[in-house]
Amino acid sequence: MIDLERYPIHALDTELGEELIERCRDELATDGVASLPGFVLPAAVQHTVEVGNRLADTAWHADQSHTVYFTEPDEGSAADHPRRRLIRSSQRAIAYDLLPEDLPIGVLYRSEEMLAFVEAVIDSGPMFRSVDPLDALEISLFGDGDELGWHFDNSEFSVTLMLRPPEVGGDFQFHPGIRNDDDESYQDVRTAIEGSGPPPRVLPTAPGTLAIFKGRHALHRVTPVEGDIPRMNMVLTYGTEPNMHLSELTQRLFYGRRVLPAVSAP
């Protein structure tokens, strides 16, 4: 299912494999994202889209308001301050436990080769797959009127696979490195939210594109979608801690139910 000539994730210790890792690391350091167009071959993309279409009615629709930090609004701040201003997000999610066991992207997610590739690119120590039965691997759907509002990720990085762009909108926009551990840069964040600052970058959305994105310091969003064809992508959850899973509150918020993981977090 993978274009191994361009992306030899099965042979990372070869010259081509080492070049791939180096290029991804350079892109992450420079742009905050490593983009791999055509990573997944068209037949596997199409098969996954068909599965997503078939399971669309099972998706949980979450429509909520939040700050860019996913915290409670700071009522002591000015109305336009990022810590107080509310942003809308609306999307549907098909949980991991609803996906077929033989789904090609599921096989890829559970493979040791993919885990080793992500670990090599992030280069921060051992990497682990999520044990969350709902969130470890999921299909996200953005229909007419849906969007993912401006926000920062709580995790250091995310891994996504684009399956299908919508008719209109659905652009992944981001401001890399707009804040850092020493400076929240509230003024820059505010102007970015208002659209009065420098224009955001746009991540390519061709089907089959894998993206490894550092979202903790990058403000990012998915613009509102229009039309009858939903935007469809997948999120592959990896992290630097074993036995990762969502809290009960977060599971219910994004998937509408609670399912305990097979392994409890330490």
C-alpha atoms as a PDB file:
ATOM      1  CA  MET A   1       0.000   0.000   0.000  1.00  0.00           C
ATOM      2  CA  ILE A   2       3.055   2.275   0.346  1.00  0.00           C
ATOM      3  CA  ASP A   3       5.208   3.743  -2.433  1.00  0.00           C
ATOM      4  CA  LEU A   4       8.358   2.089  -1.106  1.00  0.00           C
ATOM      5  CA  GLU A   5      10.519   3.362  -3.949  1.00  0.00           C
ATOM      6  CA  ARG A   6       9.981   6.941  -2.770  1.00  0.00           C
ATOM      7  CA  TYR A   7       9.519   6.124   0.895  1.00  0.00           C
ATOM      8  CA  PRO A   8      11.526   3.014   1.909  1.00  0.00           C
ATOM      9  CA  ILE A   9      10.234   2.789   5.477  1.00  0.00           C
ATOM     10  CA  HIS A  10      11.045  -0.933   5.406  1.00  0.00           C
ATOM     11  CA  ALA A  11      14.752  -0.220   4.886  1.00  0.00           C
ATOM     12  CA  LEU A  12      15.649   2.755   7.039  1.00  0.00           C
ATOM     13  CA  ASP A  13      19.250   1.592   7.458  1.00  0.00           C
ATOM     14  CA  THR A  14      19.951   1.866   3.721  1.00  0.00           C
ATOM     15  CA  GLU A  15      21.259   4.987   1.996  1.00  0.00           C
ATOM     16  CA  LEU A  16      17.800   5.824   0.618  1.00  0.00           C
ATOM     17  CA  GLY A  17      16.203   5.209   3.996  1.00  0.00           C
ATOM     18  CA  GLU A  18      18.687   7.463   5.754  1.00  0.00           C
ATOM     19  CA  GLU A  19      18.119  10.175   3.146  1.00  0.00           C
ATOM     20  CA  LEU A  20      14.368   9.958   3.749  1.00  0.00           C
ATOM     21  CA  ILE A  21      14.791  10.341   7.499  1.00  0.00           C
ATOM     22  CA  GLU A  22      17.176  13.260   7.087  1.00  0.00           C
ATOM     23  CA  ARG A  23      14.818  15.056   4.700  1.00  0.00           C
ATOM     24  CA  CYS A  24      11.853  14.617   7.052  1.00  0.00           C
ATOM     25  CA  ARG A  25      13.854  15.868  10.024  1.00  0.00           C
ATOM     26  CA  ASP A  26      15.015  18.906   8.045  1.00  0.00           C
ATOM     27  CA  GLU A  27      11.440  19.745   7.026  1.00  0.00           C
ATOM     28  CA  LEU A  28      10.246  19.422  10.612  1.00  0.00           C
ATOM     29  CA  ALA A  29      13.022  21.692  11.852  1.00  0.00           C
ATOM     30  CA  THR A  30      12.474  24.283   9.105  1.00  0.00           C
ATOM     31  CA  ASP A  31       8.727  24.180   8.470  1.00  0.00           C
ATOM     32  CA  GLY A  32       7.253  22.380  11.459  1.00  0.00           C
ATOM     33  CA  VAL A  33       5.851  19.671   9.184  1.00  0.00           C
ATOM     34  CA  ALA A  34       7.196  16.829   7.067  1.00  0.00           C
ATOM     35  CA  SER A  35       4.892  16.306   4.082  1.00  0.00           C
ATOM     36  CA  LEU A  36       5.102  13.070   2.064  1.00  0.00           C
ATOM     37  CA  PRO A  37       2.842  13.282  -1.019  1.00  0.00           C
ATOM     38  CA  GLY A  38       1.854   9.963  -2.542  1.00  0.00           C
ATOM     39  CA  PHE A  39       2.980   8.036   0.529  1.00  0.00           C
ATOM     40  CA  VAL A  40      -0.075   5.750   0.319  1.00  0.00           C
ATOM     41  CA  LEU A  41      -0.863   4.373  -3.132  1.00  0.00           C
ATOM     42  CA  PRO A  42      -4.160   5.274  -4.856  1.00  0.00           C
ATOM     43  CA  ALA A  43      -5.766   1.825  -4.530  1.00  0.00           C
ATOM     44  CA  ALA A  44      -5.316   1.811  -0.739  1.00  0.00           C
ATOM     45  CA  VAL A  45      -6.589   5.402  -0.517  1.00  0.00           C
ATOM     46  CA  GLN A  46      -9.682   4.556  -2.546  1.00  0.00           C
ATOM     47  CA  HIS A  47     -10.402   1.451  -0.482  1.00  0.00           C
ATOM     48  CA  THR A  48     -10.175   3.476   2.730  1.00  0.00           C
ATOM     49  CA  VAL A  49     -12.447   6.185   1.321  1.00  0.00           C
ATOM     50  CA  GLU A  50     -15.036   3.521   0.486  1.00  0.00           C
ATOM     51  CA  VAL A  51     -14.838   2.211   4.058  1.00  0.00           C
ATOM     52  CA  GLY A  52     -15.232   5.760   5.372  1.00  0.00           C
ATOM     53  CA  ASN A  53     -18.298   6.306   3.179  1.00  0.00           C
ATOM     54  CA  ARG A  54     -19.822   3.045   4.358  1.00  0.00           C
ATOM     55  CA  LEU A  55     -19.268   3.863   8.030  1.00  0.00           C
ATOM     56  CA  ALA A  56     -20.134   7.570   7.827  1.00  0.00           C
ATOM     57  CA  ASP A  57     -23.457   7.078   9.634  1.00  0.00           C
ATOM     58  CA  THR A  58     -21.589   5.652  12.650  1.00  0.00           C
ATOM     59  CA  ALA A  59     -19.439   8.787  13.056  1.00  0.00           C
ATOM     60  CA  TRP A  60     -19.884  10.871  16.210  1.00  0.00           C
ATOM     61  CA  HIS A  61     -20.534  14.542  15.485  1.00  0.00           C
ATOM     62  CA  ALA A  62     -18.812  16.918  17.904  1.00  0.00           C
ATOM     63  CA  ASP A  63     -19.678  20.620  17.615  1.00  0.00           C
ATOM     64  CA  GLN A  64     -18.049  22.701  20.319  1.00  0.00           C
ATOM     65  CA  SER A  65     -16.505  26.031  21.259  1.00  0.00           C
ATOM     66  CA  HIS A  66     -13.052  26.237  22.800  1.00  0.00           C
ATOM     67  CA  THR A  67     -10.043  28.491  23.180  1.00  0.00           C
ATOM     68  CA  VAL A  68      -6.987  27.886  21.022  1.00  0.00           C
ATOM     69  CA  TYR A  69      -5.449  26.203  24.099  1.00  0.00           C
ATOM     70  CA  PHE A  70      -8.438  23.926  24.834  1.00  0.00           C
ATOM     71  CA  THR A  71      -8.785  25.563  28.255  1.00  0.00           C
ATOM     72  CA  GLU A  72     -11.643  27.341  29.990  1.00  0.00           C
ATOM     73  CA  PRO A  73     -11.942  31.007  28.866  1.00  0.00           C
ATOM     74  CA  ASP A  74     -10.028  33.419  31.069  1.00  0.00           C
ATOM     75  CA  GLU A  75     -12.783  35.852  32.042  1.00  0.00           C
ATOM     76  CA  GLY A  76     -10.192  38.204  33.510  1.00  0.00           C
ATOM     77  CA  SER A  77      -8.649  38.867  30.089  1.00  0.00           C
ATOM     78  CA  ALA A  78      -9.802  41.256  27.363  1.00  0.00           C
ATOM     79  CA  ALA A  79     -12.562  39.976  25.070  1.00  0.00           C
ATOM     80  CA  ASP A  80     -10.166  39.556  22.128  1.00  0.00           C
ATOM     81  CA  HIS A  81      -7.378  37.916  24.146  1.00  0.00           C
ATOM     82  CA  PRO A  82      -6.538  34.361  22.925  1.00  0.00           C
ATOM     83  CA  ARG A  83      -7.001  33.019  26.461  1.00  0.00           C
ATOM     84  CA  ARG A  84     -10.615  34.214  26.456  1.00  0.00           C
ATOM     85  CA  ARG A  85     -11.751  34.141  22.835  1.00  0.00           C
ATOM     86  CA  LEU A  86     -13.834  31.126  21.829  1.00  0.00           C
ATOM     87  CA  ILE A  87     -13.277  29.241  18.559  1.00  0.00           C
ATOM     88  CA  ARG A  88     -15.683  26.783  16.907  1.00  0.00           C
ATOM     89  CA  SER A  89     -14.814  23.247  15.871  1.00  0.00           C
ATOM     90  CA  SER A  90     -17.232  20.825  14.219  1.00  0.00           C
ATOM     91  CA  GLN A  91     -16.340  17.430  12.799  1.00  0.00           C
ATOM     92  CA  ARG A  92     -17.347  13.782  12.804  1.00  0.00           C
ATOM     93  CA  ALA A  93     -15.121  10.903  13.875  1.00  0.00           C
ATOM     94  CA  ILE A  94     -15.266   7.192  13.052  1.00  0.00           C
ATOM     95  CA  ALA A  95     -13.654   5.436  16.008  1.00  0.00           C
ATOM     96  CA  TYR A  96     -10.922   2.812  15.788  1.00  0.00           C
ATOM     97  CA  ASP A  97     -13.116  -0.009  17.087  1.00  0.00           C
ATOM     98  CA  LEU A  98     -15.537   0.512  14.184  1.00  0.00           C
ATOM     99  CA  LEU A  99     -12.885   0.114  11.487  1.00  0.00           C
ATOM    100  CA  PRO A 100     -12.430  -3.288   9.803  1.00  0.00           C
ATOM    101  CA  GLU A 101      -9.540  -5.342  11.189  1.00  0.00           C
ATOM    102  CA  ASP A 102      -8.053  -5.735   7.698  1.00  0.00           C
ATOM    103  CA  LEU A 103      -8.250  -2.053   6.756  1.00  0.00           C
ATOM    104  CA  PRO A 104      -4.946  -1.350   4.938  1.00  0.00           C
ATOM    105  CA  ILE A 105      -4.167   1.777   6.943  1.00  0.00           C
ATOM    106  CA  GLY A 106      -4.866  -0.163  10.129  1.00  0.00           C
ATOM    107  CA  VAL A 107      -2.307  -2.765   9.056  1.00  0.00           C
ATOM    108  CA  LEU A 108       0.129   0.076   8.355  1.00  0.00           C
ATOM    109  CA  TYR A 109      -0.546   1.713  11.729  1.00  0.00           C
ATOM    110  CA  ARG A 110       0.117  -1.517  13.637  1.00  0.00           C
ATOM    111  CA  SER A 111       3.275  -2.362  11.669  1.00  0.00           C
ATOM    112  CA  GLU A 112       6.693  -2.185  13.289  1.00  0.00           C
ATOM    113  CA  GLU A 113       8.032  -0.507  10.142  1.00  0.00           C
ATOM    114  CA  MET A 114       5.702   2.469  10.488  1.00  0.00           C
ATOM    115  CA  LEU A 115       6.419   2.777  14.196  1.00  0.00           C
ATOM    116  CA  ALA A 116      10.177   2.730  13.529  1.00  0.00           C
ATOM    117  CA  PHE A 117       9.782   5.359  10.803  1.00  0.00           C
ATOM    118  CA  VAL A 118       7.881   7.786  13.040  1.00  0.00           C
ATOM    119  CA  GLU A 119      10.367   7.175  15.850  1.00  0.00           C
ATOM    120  CA  ALA A 120      13.305   7.926  13.559  1.00  0.00           C
ATOM    121  CA  VAL A 121      11.747  11.130  12.204  1.00  0.00           C
ATOM    122  CA  ILE A 122      10.738  12.523  15.607  1.00  0.00           C
ATOM    123  CA  ASP A 123      14.125  11.484  17.033  1.00  0.00           C
ATOM    124  CA  SER A 124      13.239  11.902  20.696  1.00  0.00           C
ATOM    125  CA  GLY A 125      13.504   8.356  22.012  1.00  0.00           C
ATOM    126  CA  PRO A 126      11.239   5.288  21.951  1.00  0.00           C
ATOM    127  CA  MET A 127       7.852   5.705  20.298  1.00  0.00           C
ATOM    128  CA  PHE A 128       4.599   3.926  21.160  1.00  0.00           C
ATOM    129  CA  ARG A 129       1.220   3.362  19.562  1.00  0.00           C
ATOM    130  CA  SER A 130      -1.860   4.509  21.463  1.00  0.00           C
ATOM    131  CA  VAL A 131      -3.827   1.841  23.326  1.00  0.00           C
ATOM    132  CA  ASP A 132      -7.050   3.845  23.111  1.00  0.00           C
ATOM    133  CA  PRO A 133      -9.756   1.646  21.516  1.00  0.00           C
ATOM    134  CA  LEU A 134     -11.471   4.704  20.011  1.00  0.00           C
ATOM    135  CA  ASP A 135      -8.736   7.231  19.303  1.00  0.00           C
ATOM    136  CA  ALA A 136      -5.641   5.220  18.325  1.00  0.00           C
ATOM    137  CA  LEU A 137      -6.640   5.354  14.667  1.00  0.00           C
ATOM    138  CA  GLU A 138      -9.662   7.260  13.418  1.00  0.00           C
ATOM    139  CA  ILE A 139     -11.270   8.645  10.294  1.00  0.00           C
ATOM    140  CA  SER A 140     -12.233  12.333  10.488  1.00  0.00           C
ATOM    141  CA  LEU A 141     -15.060  13.677   8.330  1.00  0.00           C
ATOM    142  CA  PHE A 142     -15.774  17.363   7.693  1.00  0.00           C
ATOM    143  CA  GLY A 143     -19.093  17.914   5.959  1.00  0.00           C
ATOM    144  CA  ASP A 144     -20.794  21.083   4.767  1.00  0.00           C
ATOM    145  CA  GLY A 145     -20.336  23.747   7.450  1.00  0.00           C
ATOM    146  CA  ASP A 146     -17.782  21.795   9.490  1.00  0.00           C
ATOM    147  CA  GLU A 147     -14.386  23.173  10.434  1.00  0.00           C
ATOM    148  CA  LEU A 148     -11.545  22.723  12.891  1.00  0.00           C
ATOM    149  CA  GLY A 149     -10.955  26.043  14.619  1.00  0.00           C
ATOM    150  CA  TRP A 150      -7.588  27.621  15.345  1.00  0.00           C
ATOM    151  CA  HIS A 151      -5.754  25.758  18.101  1.00  0.00           C
ATOM    152  CA  PHE A 152      -2.493  24.434  19.481  1.00  0.00           C
ATOM    153  CA  ASP A 153      -2.051  20.700  20.031  1.00  0.00           C
ATOM    154  CA  ASN A 154      -1.371  19.394  23.520  1.00  0.00           C
ATOM    155  CA  SER A 155       0.816  16.646  22.048  1.00  0.00           C
ATOM    156  CA  GLU A 156       4.225  17.346  20.573  1.00  0.00           C
ATOM    157  CA  PHE A 157       3.346  15.976  17.124  1.00  0.00           C
ATOM    158  CA  SER A 158       0.606  14.336  15.066  1.00  0.00           C
ATOM    159  CA  VAL A 159       0.562  11.954  12.098  1.00  0.00           C
ATOM    160  CA  THR A 160      -2.214  12.372   9.542  1.00  0.00           C
ATOM    161  CA  LEU A 161      -3.111  10.866   6.193  1.00  0.00           C
ATOM    162  CA  MET A 162      -5.185  12.815   3.671  1.00  0.00           C
ATOM    163  CA  LEU A 163      -7.819  10.696   1.936  1.00  0.00           C
ATOM    164  CA  ARG A 164     -10.145  13.114   0.160  1.00  0.00           C
ATOM    165  CA  PRO A 165     -10.421  16.904  -0.077  1.00  0.00           C
ATOM    166  CA  PRO A 166     -13.884  18.494  -0.115  1.00  0.00           C
ATOM    167  CA  GLU A 167     -15.442  20.437  -2.966  1.00  0.00           C
ATOM    168  CA  VAL A 168     -14.669  23.794  -1.351  1.00  0.00           C
ATOM    169  CA  GLY A 169     -12.601  24.770   1.682  1.00  0.00           C
ATOM    170  CA  GLY A 170     -11.083  22.304   4.113  1.00  0.00           C
ATOM    171  CA  ASP A 171      -7.586  23.779   3.833  1.00  0.00           C
ATOM    172  CA  PHE A 172      -5.112  22.908   6.567  1.00  0.00           C
ATOM    173  CA  GLN A 173      -3.607  26.278   7.495  1.00  0.00           C
ATOM    174  CA  PHE A 174      -0.861  26.821  10.043  1.00  0.00           C
ATOM    175  CA  HIS A 175       1.536  29.347  11.524  1.00  0.00           C
ATOM    176  CA  PRO A 176       4.677  27.374  12.416  1.00  0.00           C
ATOM    177  CA  GLY A 177       6.557  28.323  15.554  1.00  0.00           C
ATOM    178  CA  ILE A 178       4.241  31.209  16.406  1.00  0.00           C
ATOM    179  CA  ARG A 179       4.945  30.563  20.100  1.00  0.00           C
ATOM    180  CA  ASN A 180       7.654  28.786  22.094  1.00  0.00           C
ATOM    181  CA  ASP A 181       8.245  27.493  25.599  1.00  0.00           C
ATOM    182  CA  ASP A 182       9.439  30.921  26.757  1.00  0.00           C
ATOM    183  CA  ASP A 183       6.989  33.232  24.959  1.00  0.00           C
ATOM    184  CA  GLU A 184       3.283  32.685  24.248  1.00  0.00           C
ATOM    185  CA  SER A 185       3.331  35.579  21.727  1.00  0.00           C
ATOM    186  CA  TYR A 186      -0.268  36.514  22.496  1.00  0.00           C
ATOM    187  CA  GLN A 187      -0.243  39.495  20.131  1.00  0.00           C
ATOM    188  CA  ASP A 188       0.872  37.349  17.176  1.00  0.00           C
ATOM    189  CA  VAL A 189      -1.677  34.667  18.071  1.00  0.00           C
ATOM    190  CA  ARG A 190      -4.443  37.269  18.274  1.00  0.00           C
ATOM    191  CA  THR A 191      -3.664  38.777  14.865  1.00  0.00           C
ATOM    192  CA  ALA A 192      -3.411  35.288  13.357  1.00  0.00           C
ATOM    193  CA  ILE A 193      -6.875  34.404  14.661  1.00  0.00           C
ATOM    194  CA  GLU A 194      -8.262  37.672  13.300  1.00  0.00           C
ATOM    195  CA  GLY A 195      -6.536  37.214   9.946  1.00  0.00           C
ATOM    196  CA  SER A 196      -4.770  40.564  10.206  1.00  0.00           C
ATOM    197  CA  GLY A 197      -1.240  39.189  10.530  1.00  0.00           C
ATOM    198  CA  PRO A 198       1.011  37.385   8.052  1.00  0.00           C
ATOM    199  CA  PRO A 199      -0.872  34.842   5.927  1.00  0.00           C
ATOM    200  CA  PRO A 200      -0.766  31.248   7.149  1.00  0.00           C
ATOM    201  CA  ARG A 201       0.956  28.445   5.325  1.00  0.00           C
ATOM    202  CA  VAL A 202      -1.200  25.784   3.681  1.00  0.00           C
ATOM    203  CA  LEU A 203      -0.414  22.085   3.838  1.00  0.00           C
ATOM    204  CA  PRO A 204      -0.886  20.184   0.545  1.00  0.00           C
ATOM    205  CA  THR A 205      -4.051  18.069   0.614  1.00  0.00           C
ATOM    206  CA  ALA A 206      -3.578  15.612  -2.252  1.00  0.00           C
ATOM    207  CA  PRO A 207      -5.013  12.169  -1.412  1.00  0.00           C
ATOM    208  CA  GLY A 208      -2.350   9.805  -0.099  1.00  0.00           C
ATOM    209  CA  THR A 209      -0.259  12.555   1.529  1.00  0.00           C
ATOM    210  CA  LEU A 210       1.166  11.641   4.922  1.00  0.00           C
ATOM    211  CA  ALA A 211       2.029  14.546   7.217  1.00  0.00           C
ATOM    212  CA  ILE A 212       4.051  14.516  10.424  1.00  0.00           C
ATOM    213  CA  PHE A 213       3.226  17.810  12.077  1.00  0.00           C
ATOM    214  CA  LYS A 214       4.583  19.544  15.165  1.00  0.00           C
ATOM    215  CA  GLY A 215       1.480  21.263  16.488  1.00  0.00           C
ATOM    216  CA  ARG A 216       2.369  22.232  20.053  1.00  0.00           C
ATOM    217  CA  HIS A 217       3.915  25.536  18.967  1.00  0.00           C
ATOM    218  CA  ALA A 218       2.112  25.934  15.634  1.00  0.00           C
ATOM    219  CA  LEU A 219      -1.308  27.575  15.522  1.00  0.00           C
ATOM    220  CA  HIS A 220      -3.380  25.651  12.981  1.00  0.00           C
ATOM    221  CA  ARG A 221      -6.877  24.972  11.710  1.00  0.00           C
ATOM    222  CA  VAL A 222      -8.997  23.356   8.968  1.00  0.00           C
ATOM    223  CA  THR A 223     -11.002  26.043   7.158  1.00  0.00           C
ATOM    224  CA  PRO A 224     -14.808  25.692   6.804  1.00  0.00           C
ATOM    225  CA  VAL A 225     -15.970  23.067   4.329  1.00  0.00           C
ATOM    226  CA  GLU A 226     -18.648  23.633   1.719  1.00  0.00           C
ATOM    227  CA  GLY A 227     -20.427  21.169  -0.551  1.00  0.00           C
ATOM    228  CA  ASP A 228     -21.741  17.617  -0.578  1.00  0.00           C
ATOM    229  CA  ILE A 229     -18.356  15.836  -0.574  1.00  0.00           C
ATOM    230  CA  PRO A 230     -16.928  15.643   2.973  1.00  0.00           C
ATOM    231  CA  ARG A 231     -13.250  16.157   3.640  1.00  0.00           C
ATOM    232  CA  MET A 232     -11.813  12.850   4.858  1.00  0.00           C
ATOM    233  CA  ASN A 233      -8.522  12.159   6.582  1.00  0.00           C
ATOM    234  CA  MET A 234      -7.083   9.747   9.138  1.00  0.00           C
ATOM    235  CA  VAL A 235      -5.191  10.397  12.350  1.00  0.00           C
ATOM    236  CA  LEU A 236      -2.575   7.850  13.447  1.00  0.00           C
ATOM    237  CA  THR A 237      -1.796   8.346  17.141  1.00  0.00           C
ATOM    238  CA  TYR A 238       1.739   7.783  18.374  1.00  0.00           C
ATOM    239  CA  GLY A 239       3.524   9.205  21.397  1.00  0.00           C
ATOM    240  CA  THR A 240       6.578   9.034  23.589  1.00  0.00           C
ATOM    241  CA  GLU A 241       4.802   7.382  26.548  1.00  0.00           C
ATOM    242  CA  PRO A 242       3.489   3.790  26.710  1.00  0.00           C
ATOM    243  CA  ASN A 243      -0.193   2.974  27.303  1.00  0.00           C
ATOM    244  CA  MET A 244      -1.506   6.316  26.035  1.00  0.00           C
ATOM    245  CA  HIS A 245      -5.286   6.744  26.015  1.00  0.00           C
ATOM    246  CA  LEU A 246      -7.931   9.428  26.365  1.00  0.00           C
ATOM    247  CA  SER A 247      -9.701  10.287  29.583  1.00  0.00           C
ATOM    248  CA  GLU A 248     -13.368   9.382  29.950  1.00  0.00           C
ATOM    249  CA  LEU A 249     -14.351  13.029  29.428  1.00  0.00           C
ATOM    250  CA  THR A 250     -12.351  13.345  26.205  1.00  0.00           C
ATOM    251  CA  GLN A 251     -13.617  10.045  24.837  1.00  0.00           C
ATOM    252  CA  ARG A 252     -17.201  11.115  25.399  1.00  0.00           C
ATOM    253  CA  LEU A 253     -16.549  14.529  23.905  1.00  0.00           C
ATOM    254  CA  PHE A 254     -15.043  13.274  20.638  1.00  0.00           C
ATOM    255  CA  TYR A 255     -16.672   9.839  20.286  1.00  0.00           C
ATOM    256  CA  GLY A 256     -19.849  10.017  22.369  1.00  0.00           C
ATOM    257  CA  ARG A 257     -19.087   6.966  24.520  1.00  0.00           C
ATOM    258  CA  ARG A 258     -16.623   5.424  26.933  1.00  0.00           C
ATOM    259  CA  VAL A 259     -14.545   2.331  26.105  1.00  0.00           C
ATOM    260  CA  LEU A 260     -11.793   1.325  28.485  1.00  0.00           C
ATOM    261  CA  PRO A 261      -8.422   0.417  26.995  1.00  0.00           C
ATOM    262  CA  ALA A 262      -7.122  -3.126  27.350  1.00  0.00           C
ATOM    263  CA  VAL A 263      -4.076  -1.737  29.176  1.00  0.00           C
ATOM    264  CA  SER A 264      -4.343   0.927  31.846  1.00  0.00           C
ATOM    265  CA  ALA A 265      -1.910   3.808  31.870  1.00  0.00           C
ATOM    266  CA  PRO A 266       0.692   3.652  34.654  1.00  0.00           C
END
